Amino acid sequence: MIVITAPTGNIGRPVLSQLLESAPAAGEELRVIVRDPTRLPDTARGRVEVITGSHADAKVLDRAFEGADAVFWLVPPDASRPPHDGYSGFTRPAVQALAAHGVGHVVGVSALGRGTPVADRAGLVTASLAMDDLIASSGVAYRALANPSFFENLLEEADSIRDKSVFTDVVDADRRAPSSLSPTSRPSPQACCWTARGPAPTASPSSGRRTCPPTTWPAS
């Protein structure tokens, strides 16, 4: 059983789509946690078990993780909460449920930056890395998809680009800035033969972006 969180979002939707194609051949069943089941794609209807609610809710997670072999974990953005609370606070009930139900594998969405000089003071990146450590502490085989940025972040600049043909950012003008449409090219929750525990950068050296040094979390 593979559990997919945020299955109607910009990342979770293509993850669900890929697993709908590949999981049946591997004999894997799918379960999703979703606030509004009507937003699920038509291709998923009748083919996935639906747990309605928030994946920040301990009771919802207890139902969703029962009998699960793997989880795709994604924390939805929430600008109303401080970064650490938004990531680790949101994830803490999941960590307890992972341990309680003996879930073996988790693939999560995180950020590049581990091992860099500013890793401890980089806002959302720092919060993401703390979330990774928290999940790894549960004892699962955890892979964090370490993304440089997301194209959806450009939506904040959409009005300026449309109305003024201007895009602004606080980086060196000649610095390459790779982004991820959907980080699904790295370890899949379906491929549960892997046991590595560490970040998996989704930006290659050819992108011009410095990736994280290889890191693994200590065994619990």
C-alpha atoms as a PDB file:
ATOM      1  CA  MET A   1       0.000   0.000   0.000  1.00  0.00           C
ATOM      2  CA  ILE A   2       1.342   3.406  -1.056  1.00  0.00           C
ATOM      3  CA  VAL A   3      -0.093   6.537   0.569  1.00  0.00           C
ATOM      4  CA  ILE A   4       0.010   9.797  -1.386  1.00  0.00           C
ATOM      5  CA  THR A   5      -0.437  13.139   0.343  1.00  0.00           C
ATOM      6  CA  ALA A   6      -1.544  16.333  -1.432  1.00  0.00           C
ATOM      7  CA  PRO A   7      -2.742  14.333  -4.484  1.00  0.00           C
ATOM      8  CA  THR A   8      -4.557  17.275  -6.092  1.00  0.00           C
ATOM      9  CA  GLY A   9      -1.661  19.747  -6.056  1.00  0.00           C
ATOM     10  CA  ASN A  10       0.968  20.701  -8.622  1.00  0.00           C
ATOM     11  CA  ILE A  11       3.317  17.953  -7.448  1.00  0.00           C
ATOM     12  CA  GLY A  12       1.026  15.349  -5.923  1.00  0.00           C
ATOM     13  CA  ARG A  13      -1.230  15.165  -8.976  1.00  0.00           C
ATOM     14  CA  PRO A  14       1.507  13.996 -11.391  1.00  0.00           C
ATOM     15  CA  VAL A  15       2.859  11.637  -8.713  1.00  0.00           C
ATOM     16  CA  LEU A  16      -0.603  10.097  -8.437  1.00  0.00           C
ATOM     17  CA  SER A  17      -0.895   9.917 -12.218  1.00  0.00           C
ATOM     18  CA  GLN A  18       2.409   8.076 -12.556  1.00  0.00           C
ATOM     19  CA  LEU A  19       1.554   5.635  -9.800  1.00  0.00           C
ATOM     20  CA  LEU A  20      -1.866   4.939 -11.315  1.00  0.00           C
ATOM     21  CA  GLU A  21      -0.003   3.755 -14.403  1.00  0.00           C
ATOM     22  CA  SER A  22       2.771   1.785 -12.722  1.00  0.00           C
ATOM     23  CA  ALA A  23       1.478   0.525  -9.371  1.00  0.00           C
ATOM     24  CA  PRO A  24      -1.061  -2.068 -10.621  1.00  0.00           C
ATOM     25  CA  ALA A  25       1.604  -3.988 -12.553  1.00  0.00           C
ATOM     26  CA  ALA A  26       3.655  -4.171  -9.354  1.00  0.00           C
ATOM     27  CA  GLY A  27       0.675  -5.336  -7.321  1.00  0.00           C
ATOM     28  CA  GLU A  28       0.619  -2.125  -5.283  1.00  0.00           C
ATOM     29  CA  GLU A  29      -2.578  -0.568  -3.971  1.00  0.00           C
ATOM     30  CA  LEU A  30      -2.917   3.204  -3.658  1.00  0.00           C
ATOM     31  CA  ARG A  31      -4.423   5.341  -0.919  1.00  0.00           C
ATOM     32  CA  VAL A  32      -4.713   9.122  -0.926  1.00  0.00           C
ATOM     33  CA  ILE A  33      -5.266  11.704   1.801  1.00  0.00           C
ATOM     34  CA  VAL A  34      -7.303  14.590   0.445  1.00  0.00           C
ATOM     35  CA  ARG A  35      -9.424  17.363   1.898  1.00  0.00           C
ATOM     36  CA  ASP A  36     -11.834  17.491  -1.046  1.00  0.00           C
ATOM     37  CA  PRO A  37     -12.230  14.183  -2.916  1.00  0.00           C
ATOM     38  CA  THR A  38     -14.152  15.908  -5.730  1.00  0.00           C
ATOM     39  CA  ARG A  39     -10.847  17.465  -6.847  1.00  0.00           C
ATOM     40  CA  LEU A  40      -9.264  14.084  -7.558  1.00  0.00           C
ATOM     41  CA  PRO A  41      -8.737  13.368 -11.281  1.00  0.00           C
ATOM     42  CA  ASP A  42     -11.330  11.197 -12.975  1.00  0.00           C
ATOM     43  CA  THR A  43      -8.665   8.569 -13.666  1.00  0.00           C
ATOM     44  CA  ALA A  44      -8.316   7.977  -9.922  1.00  0.00           C
ATOM     45  CA  ARG A  45     -11.968   7.403  -9.141  1.00  0.00           C
ATOM     46  CA  GLY A  46     -12.640   3.833  -8.072  1.00  0.00           C
ATOM     47  CA  ARG A  47      -8.936   2.986  -8.309  1.00  0.00           C
ATOM     48  CA  VAL A  48      -7.647   4.479  -5.051  1.00  0.00           C
ATOM     49  CA  GLU A  49      -8.755   4.317  -1.462  1.00  0.00           C
ATOM     50  CA  VAL A  50      -9.675   7.788  -0.265  1.00  0.00           C
ATOM     51  CA  ILE A  51      -9.056   9.081   3.257  1.00  0.00           C
ATOM     52  CA  THR A  52     -10.793  12.432   3.611  1.00  0.00           C
ATOM     53  CA  GLY A  53      -9.138  15.072   5.763  1.00  0.00           C
ATOM     54  CA  SER A  54      -5.882  16.880   6.406  1.00  0.00           C
ATOM     55  CA  HIS A  55      -2.572  15.032   6.590  1.00  0.00           C
ATOM     56  CA  ALA A  56      -1.740  17.227   9.581  1.00  0.00           C
ATOM     57  CA  ASP A  57      -4.511  15.488  11.539  1.00  0.00           C
ATOM     58  CA  ALA A  58      -3.260  12.647  13.749  1.00  0.00           C
ATOM     59  CA  LYS A  59      -6.553  10.730  13.496  1.00  0.00           C
ATOM     60  CA  VAL A  60      -6.564  10.971   9.711  1.00  0.00           C
ATOM     61  CA  LEU A  61      -2.945   9.811   9.557  1.00  0.00           C
ATOM     62  CA  ASP A  62      -3.658   6.884  11.862  1.00  0.00           C
ATOM     63  CA  ARG A  63      -6.255   5.626   9.388  1.00  0.00           C
ATOM     64  CA  ALA A  64      -4.180   6.412   6.327  1.00  0.00           C
ATOM     65  CA  PHE A  65      -0.920   4.778   7.452  1.00  0.00           C
ATOM     66  CA  GLU A  66      -2.486   1.539   8.678  1.00  0.00           C
ATOM     67  CA  GLY A  67      -1.020  -1.245   6.562  1.00  0.00           C
ATOM     68  CA  ALA A  68       1.030   1.193   4.457  1.00  0.00           C
ATOM     69  CA  ASP A  69       4.387   0.194   3.002  1.00  0.00           C
ATOM     70  CA  ALA A  70       5.371   3.612   1.649  1.00  0.00           C
ATOM     71  CA  VAL A  71       4.326   7.264   1.788  1.00  0.00           C
ATOM     72  CA  PHE A  72       4.804  10.213  -0.523  1.00  0.00           C
ATOM     73  CA  TRP A  73       5.013  13.187   1.852  1.00  0.00           C
ATOM     74  CA  LEU A  74       4.495  16.823   0.885  1.00  0.00           C
ATOM     75  CA  VAL A  75       3.836  19.737   3.228  1.00  0.00           C
ATOM     76  CA  PRO A  76       1.483  22.281   1.640  1.00  0.00           C
ATOM     77  CA  PRO A  77       2.663  25.909   1.713  1.00  0.00           C
ATOM     78  CA  ASP A  78       1.140  27.986   4.511  1.00  0.00           C
ATOM     79  CA  ALA A  79       2.364  31.561   4.791  1.00  0.00           C
ATOM     80  CA  SER A  80       0.268  32.094   7.934  1.00  0.00           C
ATOM     81  CA  ARG A  81       2.612  29.923  10.028  1.00  0.00           C
ATOM     82  CA  PRO A  82       6.288  30.429  10.947  1.00  0.00           C
ATOM     83  CA  PRO A  83       8.494  28.241   8.731  1.00  0.00           C
ATOM     84  CA  HIS A  84       9.543  25.763  11.434  1.00  0.00           C
ATOM     85  CA  ASP A  85       5.970  25.297  12.605  1.00  0.00           C
ATOM     86  CA  GLY A  86       4.751  25.095   9.024  1.00  0.00           C
ATOM     87  CA  TYR A  87       7.089  22.191   8.256  1.00  0.00           C
ATOM     88  CA  SER A  88       8.102  20.346  11.425  1.00  0.00           C
ATOM     89  CA  GLY A  89       4.934  21.257  13.313  1.00  0.00           C
ATOM     90  CA  PHE A  90       2.793  20.042  10.420  1.00  0.00           C
ATOM     91  CA  THR A  91       4.864  16.857  10.050  1.00  0.00           C
ATOM     92  CA  ARG A  92       5.204  15.798  13.693  1.00  0.00           C
ATOM     93  CA  PRO A  93       1.879  13.833  13.817  1.00  0.00           C
ATOM     94  CA  ALA A  94       2.976  11.981  10.663  1.00  0.00           C
ATOM     95  CA  VAL A  95       6.279  10.980  12.252  1.00  0.00           C
ATOM     96  CA  GLN A  96       4.419   9.485  15.193  1.00  0.00           C
ATOM     97  CA  ALA A  97       2.072   7.618  12.842  1.00  0.00           C
ATOM     98  CA  LEU A  98       4.946   6.330  10.684  1.00  0.00           C
ATOM     99  CA  ALA A  99       6.569   4.789  13.731  1.00  0.00           C
ATOM    100  CA  ALA A 100       3.322   3.465  15.162  1.00  0.00           C
ATOM    101  CA  HIS A 101       2.381   1.666  11.947  1.00  0.00           C
ATOM    102  CA  GLY A 102       5.850   0.531  10.956  1.00  0.00           C
ATOM    103  CA  VAL A 103       5.847   2.262   7.573  1.00  0.00           C
ATOM    104  CA  GLY A 104       9.065   1.309   5.814  1.00  0.00           C
ATOM    105  CA  HIS A 105       9.693   3.981   3.175  1.00  0.00           C
ATOM    106  CA  VAL A 106       8.992   7.681   2.745  1.00  0.00           C
ATOM    107  CA  VAL A 107       9.758   9.978  -0.179  1.00  0.00           C
ATOM    108  CA  GLY A 108       9.417  13.648   0.755  1.00  0.00           C
ATOM    109  CA  VAL A 109       9.668  17.002  -0.992  1.00  0.00           C
ATOM    110  CA  SER A 110      12.390  19.199   0.478  1.00  0.00           C
ATOM    111  CA  ALA A 111      15.049  21.674  -0.646  1.00  0.00           C
ATOM    112  CA  LEU A 112      18.698  21.953  -1.606  1.00  0.00           C
ATOM    113  CA  GLY A 113      21.025  23.488   0.962  1.00  0.00           C
ATOM    114  CA  ARG A 114      22.075  20.786   3.422  1.00  0.00           C
ATOM    115  CA  GLY A 115      25.739  21.104   4.265  1.00  0.00           C
ATOM    116  CA  THR A 116      26.057  24.684   3.028  1.00  0.00           C
ATOM    117  CA  PRO A 117      27.271  27.598   5.209  1.00  0.00           C
ATOM    118  CA  VAL A 118      23.789  29.151   5.362  1.00  0.00           C
ATOM    119  CA  ALA A 119      21.790  25.971   5.962  1.00  0.00           C
ATOM    120  CA  ASP A 120      20.918  27.052   9.501  1.00  0.00           C
ATOM    121  CA  ARG A 121      19.581  30.485   8.547  1.00  0.00           C
ATOM    122  CA  ALA A 122      17.822  30.074   5.217  1.00  0.00           C
ATOM    123  CA  GLY A 123      14.165  30.450   6.154  1.00  0.00           C
ATOM    124  CA  LEU A 124      11.980  27.904   4.375  1.00  0.00           C
ATOM    125  CA  VAL A 125      15.028  25.890   3.341  1.00  0.00           C
ATOM    126  CA  THR A 126      16.171  25.568   6.967  1.00  0.00           C
ATOM    127  CA  ALA A 127      12.643  24.557   7.954  1.00  0.00           C
ATOM    128  CA  SER A 128      12.569  21.916   5.204  1.00  0.00           C
ATOM    129  CA  LEU A 129      15.861  20.432   6.355  1.00  0.00           C
ATOM    130  CA  ALA A 130      14.616  20.271   9.944  1.00  0.00           C
ATOM    131  CA  MET A 131      11.523  18.442   8.674  1.00  0.00           C
ATOM    132  CA  ASP A 132      13.777  15.932   6.912  1.00  0.00           C
ATOM    133  CA  ASP A 133      15.663  15.247  10.134  1.00  0.00           C
ATOM    134  CA  LEU A 134      12.390  14.785  11.976  1.00  0.00           C
ATOM    135  CA  ILE A 135      11.075  12.251   9.458  1.00  0.00           C
ATOM    136  CA  ALA A 136      14.377  10.366   9.394  1.00  0.00           C
ATOM    137  CA  SER A 137      14.268  10.127  13.189  1.00  0.00           C
ATOM    138  CA  SER A 138      11.229   7.843  12.883  1.00  0.00           C
ATOM    139  CA  GLY A 139      13.487   5.063  11.563  1.00  0.00           C
ATOM    140  CA  VAL A 140      11.992   4.869   8.059  1.00  0.00           C
ATOM    141  CA  ALA A 141      14.109   4.639   4.914  1.00  0.00           C
ATOM    142  CA  TYR A 142      13.680   8.268   3.905  1.00  0.00           C
ATOM    143  CA  ARG A 143      14.581  10.035   0.674  1.00  0.00           C
ATOM    144  CA  ALA A 144      14.215  13.828   0.547  1.00  0.00           C
ATOM    145  CA  LEU A 145      13.837  15.199  -2.974  1.00  0.00           C
ATOM    146  CA  ALA A 146      16.051  18.271  -2.663  1.00  0.00           C
ATOM    147  CA  ASN A 147      14.721  20.855  -5.108  1.00  0.00           C
ATOM    148  CA  PRO A 148      16.353  24.177  -6.006  1.00  0.00           C
ATOM    149  CA  SER A 149      13.038  25.964  -6.594  1.00  0.00           C
ATOM    150  CA  PHE A 150       9.600  25.488  -8.147  1.00  0.00           C
ATOM    151  CA  PHE A 151       8.070  27.054 -11.206  1.00  0.00           C
ATOM    152  CA  GLU A 152       4.944  27.752  -9.164  1.00  0.00           C
ATOM    153  CA  ASN A 153       6.990  30.356  -7.270  1.00  0.00           C
ATOM    154  CA  LEU A 154       6.902  32.421 -10.445  1.00  0.00           C
ATOM    155  CA  LEU A 155       3.166  32.890  -9.909  1.00  0.00           C
ATOM    156  CA  GLU A 156       4.047  35.580  -7.374  1.00  0.00           C
ATOM    157  CA  GLU A 157       5.609  37.521 -10.258  1.00  0.00           C
ATOM    158  CA  ALA A 158       2.835  36.828 -12.766  1.00  0.00           C
ATOM    159  CA  ASP A 159       1.244  40.292 -12.539  1.00  0.00           C
ATOM    160  CA  SER A 160       4.573  42.077 -12.917  1.00  0.00           C
ATOM    161  CA  ILE A 161       5.595  39.897 -15.850  1.00  0.00           C
ATOM    162  CA  ARG A 162       2.234  40.353 -17.594  1.00  0.00           C
ATOM    163  CA  ASP A 163       1.771  44.065 -16.959  1.00  0.00           C
ATOM    164  CA  LYS A 164       5.347  45.377 -16.999  1.00  0.00           C
ATOM    165  CA  SER A 165       7.413  42.597 -18.591  1.00  0.00           C
ATOM    166  CA  VAL A 166       9.532  42.691 -15.427  1.00  0.00           C
ATOM    167  CA  PHE A 167      10.723  39.786 -13.289  1.00  0.00           C
ATOM    168  CA  THR A 168      12.577  40.480 -10.039  1.00  0.00           C
ATOM    169  CA  ASP A 169      14.579  38.209  -7.759  1.00  0.00           C
ATOM    170  CA  VAL A 170      17.315  38.613  -5.151  1.00  0.00           C
ATOM    171  CA  VAL A 171      20.134  36.625  -6.764  1.00  0.00           C
ATOM    172  CA  ASP A 172      23.178  37.461  -8.849  1.00  0.00           C
ATOM    173  CA  ALA A 173      22.036  38.349 -12.346  1.00  0.00           C
ATOM    174  CA  ASP A 174      24.365  35.805 -13.982  1.00  0.00           C
ATOM    175  CA  ARG A 175      23.521  32.944 -11.650  1.00  0.00           C
ATOM    176  CA  ARG A 176      21.654  30.022 -13.151  1.00  0.00           C
ATOM    177  CA  ALA A 177      18.407  29.220 -11.372  1.00  0.00           C
ATOM    178  CA  PRO A 178      17.119  25.735 -12.188  1.00  0.00           C
ATOM    179  CA  SER A 179      13.567  24.935 -11.138  1.00  0.00           C
ATOM    180  CA  SER A 180      11.519  21.769 -10.821  1.00  0.00           C
ATOM    181  CA  LEU A 181       8.218  21.283 -12.592  1.00  0.00           C
ATOM    182  CA  SER A 182       7.574  18.100 -10.651  1.00  0.00           C
ATOM    183  CA  PRO A 183      10.255  16.228  -8.703  1.00  0.00           C
ATOM    184  CA  THR A 184       9.276  12.699  -9.735  1.00  0.00           C
ATOM    185  CA  SER A 185      12.480  11.514 -11.384  1.00  0.00           C
ATOM    186  CA  ARG A 186      14.069  10.361  -8.157  1.00  0.00           C
ATOM    187  CA  PRO A 187      13.232   7.449  -5.820  1.00  0.00           C
ATOM    188  CA  SER A 188       9.570   6.508  -6.071  1.00  0.00           C
ATOM    189  CA  PRO A 189       7.472   5.271  -3.147  1.00  0.00           C
ATOM    190  CA  GLN A 190       6.709   2.287  -5.381  1.00  0.00           C
ATOM    191  CA  ALA A 191      10.339   1.139  -5.596  1.00  0.00           C
ATOM    192  CA  CYS A 192      10.575  -0.038  -1.986  1.00  0.00           C
ATOM    193  CA  CYS A 193      13.757  -2.023  -2.432  1.00  0.00           C
ATOM    194  CA  TRP A 194      15.930   0.996  -1.572  1.00  0.00           C
ATOM    195  CA  THR A 195      17.192   1.575   1.944  1.00  0.00           C
ATOM    196  CA  ALA A 196      19.314   4.720   1.547  1.00  0.00           C
ATOM    197  CA  ARG A 197      18.599   7.582   3.909  1.00  0.00           C
ATOM    198  CA  GLY A 198      19.584  11.014   2.664  1.00  0.00           C
ATOM    199  CA  PRO A 199      18.756  13.845   0.259  1.00  0.00           C
ATOM    200  CA  ALA A 200      18.449  13.227  -3.476  1.00  0.00           C
ATOM    201  CA  PRO A 201      19.191  16.476  -5.358  1.00  0.00           C
ATOM    202  CA  THR A 202      16.912  17.041  -8.355  1.00  0.00           C
ATOM    203  CA  ALA A 203      19.327  19.554  -9.957  1.00  0.00           C
ATOM    204  CA  SER A 204      22.269  18.017 -11.778  1.00  0.00           C
ATOM    205  CA  PRO A 205      25.802  19.491 -11.887  1.00  0.00           C
ATOM    206  CA  SER A 206      25.154  20.472 -15.522  1.00  0.00           C
ATOM    207  CA  SER A 207      22.490  22.912 -14.320  1.00  0.00           C
ATOM    208  CA  GLY A 208      25.214  25.162 -12.942  1.00  0.00           C
ATOM    209  CA  ARG A 209      23.736  24.975  -9.438  1.00  0.00           C
ATOM    210  CA  ARG A 210      25.873  23.639  -6.611  1.00  0.00           C
ATOM    211  CA  THR A 211      24.232  20.541  -5.205  1.00  0.00           C
ATOM    212  CA  CYS A 212      24.456  19.294  -1.629  1.00  0.00           C
ATOM    213  CA  PRO A 213      27.319  17.091  -0.530  1.00  0.00           C
ATOM    214  CA  PRO A 214      26.265  13.434  -0.107  1.00  0.00           C
ATOM    215  CA  THR A 215      24.623  13.030   3.283  1.00  0.00           C
ATOM    216  CA  THR A 216      22.886  10.207   5.081  1.00  0.00           C
ATOM    217  CA  TRP A 217      21.024  10.351   8.349  1.00  0.00           C
ATOM    218  CA  PRO A 218      22.364   8.170  11.135  1.00  0.00           C
ATOM    219  CA  ALA A 219      20.468   4.985  11.750  1.00  0.00           C
ATOM    220  CA  SER A 220      18.020   5.204  14.603  1.00  0.00           C
END
